[in-house]
Amino acid sequence: MGEKVLERFPAGGPRGSWPAEECAAALRAEGRPATVVMDLRTDAFLVVVPAGEEN
């Protein structure tokens, strides 16, 4: 079972800004199992859900 990336946010955002975490929290409030992971290769935060949950 894999994961589906829903959103990407650059890691270089303003200090104190957590847009990926805010996006994931909004999705979790809707009942979707969203998490945030760091993609070191692209220096970005990714909001992901289990494959099949993207709808």
PDB file of N, CA and C in Angstrom:
ATOM      1  N   MET A   1       0.845  -1.177   0.000  1.00  0.00           N
ATOM      2  CA  MET A   1       0.000   0.000   0.000  1.00  0.00           C
ATOM      3  C   MET A   1       0.890   1.239   0.000  1.00  0.00           C
ATOM      4  N   GLY A   2       0.629   2.169  -0.904  1.00  0.00           N
ATOM      5  CA  GLY A   2       1.444   3.367  -1.024  1.00  0.00           C
ATOM      6  C   GLY A   2       0.731   4.593  -0.500  1.00  0.00           C
ATOM      7  N   GLU A   3       1.319   5.731  -0.814  1.00  0.00           N
ATOM      8  CA  GLU A   3       0.752   7.004  -0.412  1.00  0.00           C
ATOM      9  C   GLU A   3       0.581   7.894  -1.629  1.00  0.00           C
ATOM     10  N   LYS A   4      -0.384   8.782  -1.548  1.00  0.00           N
ATOM     11  CA  LYS A   4      -0.672   9.733  -2.618  1.00  0.00           C
ATOM     12  C   LYS A   4      -0.362  11.135  -2.103  1.00  0.00           C
ATOM     13  N   VAL A   5       0.428  11.900  -2.850  1.00  0.00           N
ATOM     14  CA  VAL A   5       0.748  13.281  -2.481  1.00  0.00           C
ATOM     15  C   VAL A   5      -0.395  14.182  -2.932  1.00  0.00           C
ATOM     16  N   LEU A   6      -0.974  14.925  -1.991  1.00  0.00           N
ATOM     17  CA  LEU A   6      -2.064  15.848  -2.316  1.00  0.00           C
ATOM     18  C   LEU A   6      -1.575  17.278  -2.516  1.00  0.00           C
ATOM     19  N   GLU A   7      -0.603  17.700  -1.725  1.00  0.00           N
ATOM     20  CA  GLU A   7      -0.100  19.071  -1.787  1.00  0.00           C
ATOM     21  C   GLU A   7       1.401  19.092  -1.556  1.00  0.00           C
ATOM     22  N   ARG A   8       2.065  20.119  -2.096  1.00  0.00           N
ATOM     23  CA  ARG A   8       3.499  20.348  -1.877  1.00  0.00           C
ATOM     24  C   ARG A   8       3.676  21.779  -1.399  1.00  0.00           C
ATOM     25  N   PHE A   9       4.528  21.959  -0.403  1.00  0.00           N
ATOM     26  CA  PHE A   9       4.822  23.286   0.118  1.00  0.00           C
ATOM     27  C   PHE A   9       6.330  23.433   0.247  1.00  0.00           C
ATOM     28  N   PRO A  10       6.901  24.538  -0.234  1.00  0.00           N
ATOM     29  CA  PRO A  10       8.353  24.724  -0.104  1.00  0.00           C
ATOM     30  C   PRO A  10       8.765  24.807   1.355  1.00  0.00           C
ATOM     31  N   ALA A  11       9.927  24.269   1.660  1.00  0.00           N
ATOM     32  CA  ALA A  11      10.408  24.266   3.033  1.00  0.00           C
ATOM     33  C   ALA A  11      10.892  25.637   3.469  1.00  0.00           C
ATOM     34  N   GLY A  12      11.127  26.537   2.560  1.00  0.00           N
ATOM     35  CA  GLY A  12      11.681  27.850   2.894  1.00  0.00           C
ATOM     36  C   GLY A  12      10.640  28.907   3.191  1.00  0.00           C
ATOM     37  N   GLY A  13       9.515  28.535   3.758  1.00  0.00           N
ATOM     38  CA  GLY A  13       8.478  29.516   4.066  1.00  0.00           C
ATOM     39  C   GLY A  13       8.882  30.443   5.199  1.00  0.00           C
ATOM     40  N   PRO A  14       8.077  31.474   5.444  1.00  0.00           N
ATOM     41  CA  PRO A  14       8.384  32.409   6.525  1.00  0.00           C
ATOM     42  C   PRO A  14       8.433  31.716   7.887  1.00  0.00           C
ATOM     43  N   ARG A  15       9.247  32.206   8.760  1.00  0.00           N
ATOM     44  CA  ARG A  15       9.383  31.632  10.103  1.00  0.00           C
ATOM     45  C   ARG A  15       8.033  31.673  10.815  1.00  0.00           C
ATOM     46  N   GLY A  16       7.673  30.557  11.424  1.00  0.00           N
ATOM     47  CA  GLY A  16       6.401  30.469  12.142  1.00  0.00           C
ATOM     48  C   GLY A  16       5.228  30.101  11.253  1.00  0.00           C
ATOM     49  N   SER A  17       5.460  29.942   9.957  1.00  0.00           N
ATOM     50  CA  SER A  17       4.403  29.567   9.021  1.00  0.00           C
ATOM     51  C   SER A  17       4.471  28.061   8.781  1.00  0.00           C
ATOM     52  N   TRP A  18       3.356  27.380   8.938  1.00  0.00           N
ATOM     53  CA  TRP A  18       3.298  25.928   8.771  1.00  0.00           C
ATOM     54  C   TRP A  18       2.170  25.551   7.816  1.00  0.00           C
ATOM     55  N   PRO A  19       2.211  25.969   6.557  1.00  0.00           N
ATOM     56  CA  PRO A  19       1.087  25.715   5.651  1.00  0.00           C
ATOM     57  C   PRO A  19       0.812  24.231   5.414  1.00  0.00           C
ATOM     58  N   ALA A  20       1.845  23.401   5.383  1.00  0.00           N
ATOM     59  CA  ALA A  20       1.615  21.966   5.172  1.00  0.00           C
ATOM     60  C   ALA A  20       0.868  21.367   6.361  1.00  0.00           C
ATOM     61  N   GLU A  21       1.274  21.741   7.574  1.00  0.00           N
ATOM     62  CA  GLU A  21       0.592  21.241   8.767  1.00  0.00           C
ATOM     63  C   GLU A  21      -0.847  21.743   8.828  1.00  0.00           C
ATOM     64  N   GLU A  22      -1.077  22.987   8.436  1.00  0.00           N
ATOM     65  CA  GLU A  22      -2.430  23.541   8.441  1.00  0.00           C
ATOM     66  C   GLU A  22      -3.308  22.822   7.418  1.00  0.00           C
ATOM     67  N   CYS A  23      -2.748  22.525   6.250  1.00  0.00           N
ATOM     68  CA  CYS A  23      -3.488  21.796   5.221  1.00  0.00           C
ATOM     69  C   CYS A  23      -3.838  20.394   5.708  1.00  0.00           C
ATOM     70  N   ALA A  24      -2.868  19.705   6.299  1.00  0.00           N
ATOM     71  CA  ALA A  24      -3.108  18.349   6.796  1.00  0.00           C
ATOM     72  C   ALA A  24      -4.141  18.361   7.920  1.00  0.00           C
ATOM     73  N   ALA A  25      -4.086  19.364   8.795  1.00  0.00           N
ATOM     74  CA  ALA A  25      -5.057  19.459   9.890  1.00  0.00           C
ATOM     75  C   ALA A  25      -6.472  19.660   9.348  1.00  0.00           C
ATOM     76  N   ALA A  26      -6.605  20.469   8.309  1.00  0.00           N
ATOM     77  CA  ALA A  26      -7.925  20.687   7.698  1.00  0.00           C
ATOM     78  C   ALA A  26      -8.460  19.387   7.089  1.00  0.00           C
ATOM     79  N   LEU A  27      -7.586  18.632   6.449  1.00  0.00           N
ATOM     80  CA  LEU A  27      -8.000  17.352   5.869  1.00  0.00           C
ATOM     81  C   LEU A  27      -8.390  16.358   6.958  1.00  0.00           C
ATOM     82  N   ARG A  28      -7.621  16.332   8.051  1.00  0.00           N
ATOM     83  CA  ARG A  28      -7.961  15.442   9.166  1.00  0.00           C
ATOM     84  C   ARG A  28      -9.293  15.835   9.788  1.00  0.00           C
ATOM     85  N   ALA A  29      -9.593  17.132   9.843  1.00  0.00           N
ATOM     86  CA  ALA A  29     -10.877  17.590  10.375  1.00  0.00           C
ATOM     87  C   ALA A  29     -12.038  17.098   9.515  1.00  0.00           C
ATOM     88  N   GLU A  30     -11.767  16.842   8.234  1.00  0.00           N
ATOM     89  CA  GLU A  30     -12.764  16.289   7.318  1.00  0.00           C
ATOM     90  C   GLU A  30     -12.827  14.770   7.398  1.00  0.00           C
ATOM     91  N   GLY A  31     -11.981  14.180   8.232  1.00  0.00           N
ATOM     92  CA  GLY A  31     -11.977  12.734   8.384  1.00  0.00           C
ATOM     93  C   GLY A  31     -11.002  11.993   7.487  1.00  0.00           C
ATOM     94  N   ARG A  32     -10.110  12.720   6.828  1.00  0.00           N
ATOM     95  CA  ARG A  32      -9.124  12.093   5.948  1.00  0.00           C
ATOM     96  C   ARG A  32      -7.804  11.933   6.694  1.00  0.00           C
ATOM     97  N   PRO A  33      -7.147  10.790   6.579  1.00  0.00           N
ATOM     98  CA  PRO A  33      -5.924  10.504   7.346  1.00  0.00           C
ATOM     99  C   PRO A  33      -4.671  11.138   6.739  1.00  0.00           C
ATOM    100  N   ALA A  34      -4.604  12.452   6.720  1.00  0.00           N
ATOM    101  CA  ALA A  34      -3.479  13.162   6.101  1.00  0.00           C
ATOM    102  C   ALA A  34      -2.313  13.297   7.072  1.00  0.00           C
ATOM    103  N   THR A  35      -1.108  13.192   6.515  1.00  0.00           N
ATOM    104  CA  THR A  35       0.108  13.423   7.288  1.00  0.00           C
ATOM    105  C   THR A  35       1.052  14.291   6.472  1.00  0.00           C
ATOM    106  N   VAL A  36       2.062  14.840   7.145  1.00  0.00           N
ATOM    107  CA  VAL A  36       3.062  15.672   6.481  1.00  0.00           C
ATOM    108  C   VAL A  36       4.398  14.948   6.546  1.00  0.00           C
ATOM    109  N   VAL A  37       5.070  14.891   5.418  1.00  0.00           N
ATOM    110  CA  VAL A  37       6.410  14.308   5.353  1.00  0.00           C
ATOM    111  C   VAL A  37       7.336  15.299   4.642  1.00  0.00           C
ATOM    112  N   MET A  38       8.616  15.175   4.918  1.00  0.00           N
ATOM    113  CA  MET A  38       9.617  16.037   4.295  1.00  0.00           C
ATOM    114  C   MET A  38      10.270  15.284   3.147  1.00  0.00           C
ATOM    115  N   ASP A  39      10.291  15.908   1.981  1.00  0.00           N
ATOM    116  CA  ASP A  39      11.002  15.354   0.834  1.00  0.00           C
ATOM    117  C   ASP A  39      12.339  16.082   0.754  1.00  0.00           C
ATOM    118  N   LEU A  40      13.391  15.446   1.237  1.00  0.00           N
ATOM    119  CA  LEU A  40      14.705  16.084   1.274  1.00  0.00           C
ATOM    120  C   LEU A  40      15.256  16.377  -0.110  1.00  0.00           C
ATOM    121  N   ARG A  41      14.940  15.534  -1.063  1.00  0.00           N
ATOM    122  CA  ARG A  41      15.464  15.713  -2.430  1.00  0.00           C
ATOM    123  C   ARG A  41      14.980  17.024  -3.033  1.00  0.00           C
ATOM    124  N   THR A  42      13.694  17.375  -2.808  1.00  0.00           N
ATOM    125  CA  THR A  42      13.135  18.598  -3.386  1.00  0.00           C
ATOM    126  C   THR A  42      13.026  19.732  -2.374  1.00  0.00           C
ATOM    127  N   ASP A  43      13.410  19.491  -1.117  1.00  0.00           N
ATOM    128  CA  ASP A  43      13.330  20.484  -0.051  1.00  0.00           C
ATOM    129  C   ASP A  43      11.897  21.031   0.066  1.00  0.00           C
ATOM    130  N   ALA A  44      10.957  20.093   0.189  1.00  0.00           N
ATOM    131  CA  ALA A  44       9.548  20.469   0.282  1.00  0.00           C
ATOM    132  C   ALA A  44       8.835  19.583   1.299  1.00  0.00           C
ATOM    133  N   PHE A  45       7.783  20.146   1.885  1.00  0.00           N
ATOM    134  CA  PHE A  45       6.903  19.378   2.748  1.00  0.00           C
ATOM    135  C   PHE A  45       5.749  18.862   1.902  1.00  0.00           C
ATOM    136  N   LEU A  46       5.411  17.584   2.054  1.00  0.00           N
ATOM    137  CA  LEU A  46       4.348  16.962   1.277  1.00  0.00           C
ATOM    138  C   LEU A  46       3.212  16.564   2.200  1.00  0.00           C
ATOM    139  N   VAL A  47       1.981  16.847   1.783  1.00  0.00           N
ATOM    140  CA  VAL A  47       0.802  16.374   2.496  1.00  0.00           C
ATOM    141  C   VAL A  47       0.374  15.103   1.776  1.00  0.00           C
ATOM    142  N   VAL A  48       0.380  13.989   2.497  1.00  0.00           N
ATOM    143  CA  VAL A  48       0.083  12.702   1.888  1.00  0.00           C
ATOM    144  C   VAL A  48      -1.076  11.998   2.597  1.00  0.00           C
ATOM    145  N   VAL A  49      -1.755  11.149   1.841  1.00  0.00           N
ATOM    146  CA  VAL A  49      -2.801  10.278   2.370  1.00  0.00           C
ATOM    147  C   VAL A  49      -2.525   8.873   1.840  1.00  0.00           C
ATOM    148  N   PRO A  50      -3.025   7.845   2.513  1.00  0.00           N
ATOM    149  CA  PRO A  50      -2.857   6.491   1.974  1.00  0.00           C
ATOM    150  C   PRO A  50      -3.457   6.395   0.576  1.00  0.00           C
ATOM    151  N   ALA A  51      -2.839   5.607  -0.289  1.00  0.00           N
ATOM    152  CA  ALA A  51      -3.360   5.410  -1.649  1.00  0.00           C
ATOM    153  C   ALA A  51      -4.807   4.968  -1.576  1.00  0.00           C
ATOM    154  N   GLY A  52      -5.634   5.533  -2.426  1.00  0.00           N
ATOM    155  CA  GLY A  52      -7.053   5.215  -2.426  1.00  0.00           C
ATOM    156  C   GLY A  52      -7.876   6.170  -1.598  1.00  0.00           C
ATOM    157  N   GLU A  53      -7.255   7.061  -0.811  1.00  0.00           N
ATOM    158  CA  GLU A  53      -7.947   8.033   0.025  1.00  0.00           C
ATOM    159  C   GLU A  53      -8.008   9.415  -0.599  1.00  0.00           C
ATOM    160  N   GLU A  54      -7.472   9.590  -1.802  1.00  0.00           N
ATOM    161  CA  GLU A  54      -7.344  10.925  -2.372  1.00  0.00           C
ATOM    162  C   GLU A  54      -8.652  11.543  -2.808  1.00  0.00           C
ATOM    163  N   ASN A  55      -9.715  10.794  -2.932  1.00  0.00           N
ATOM    164  CA  ASN A  55     -11.001  11.355  -3.394  1.00  0.00           C
ATOM    165  C   ASN A  55     -11.712  12.028  -2.308  1.00  0.00           C
TER     166      ASN A  55
END
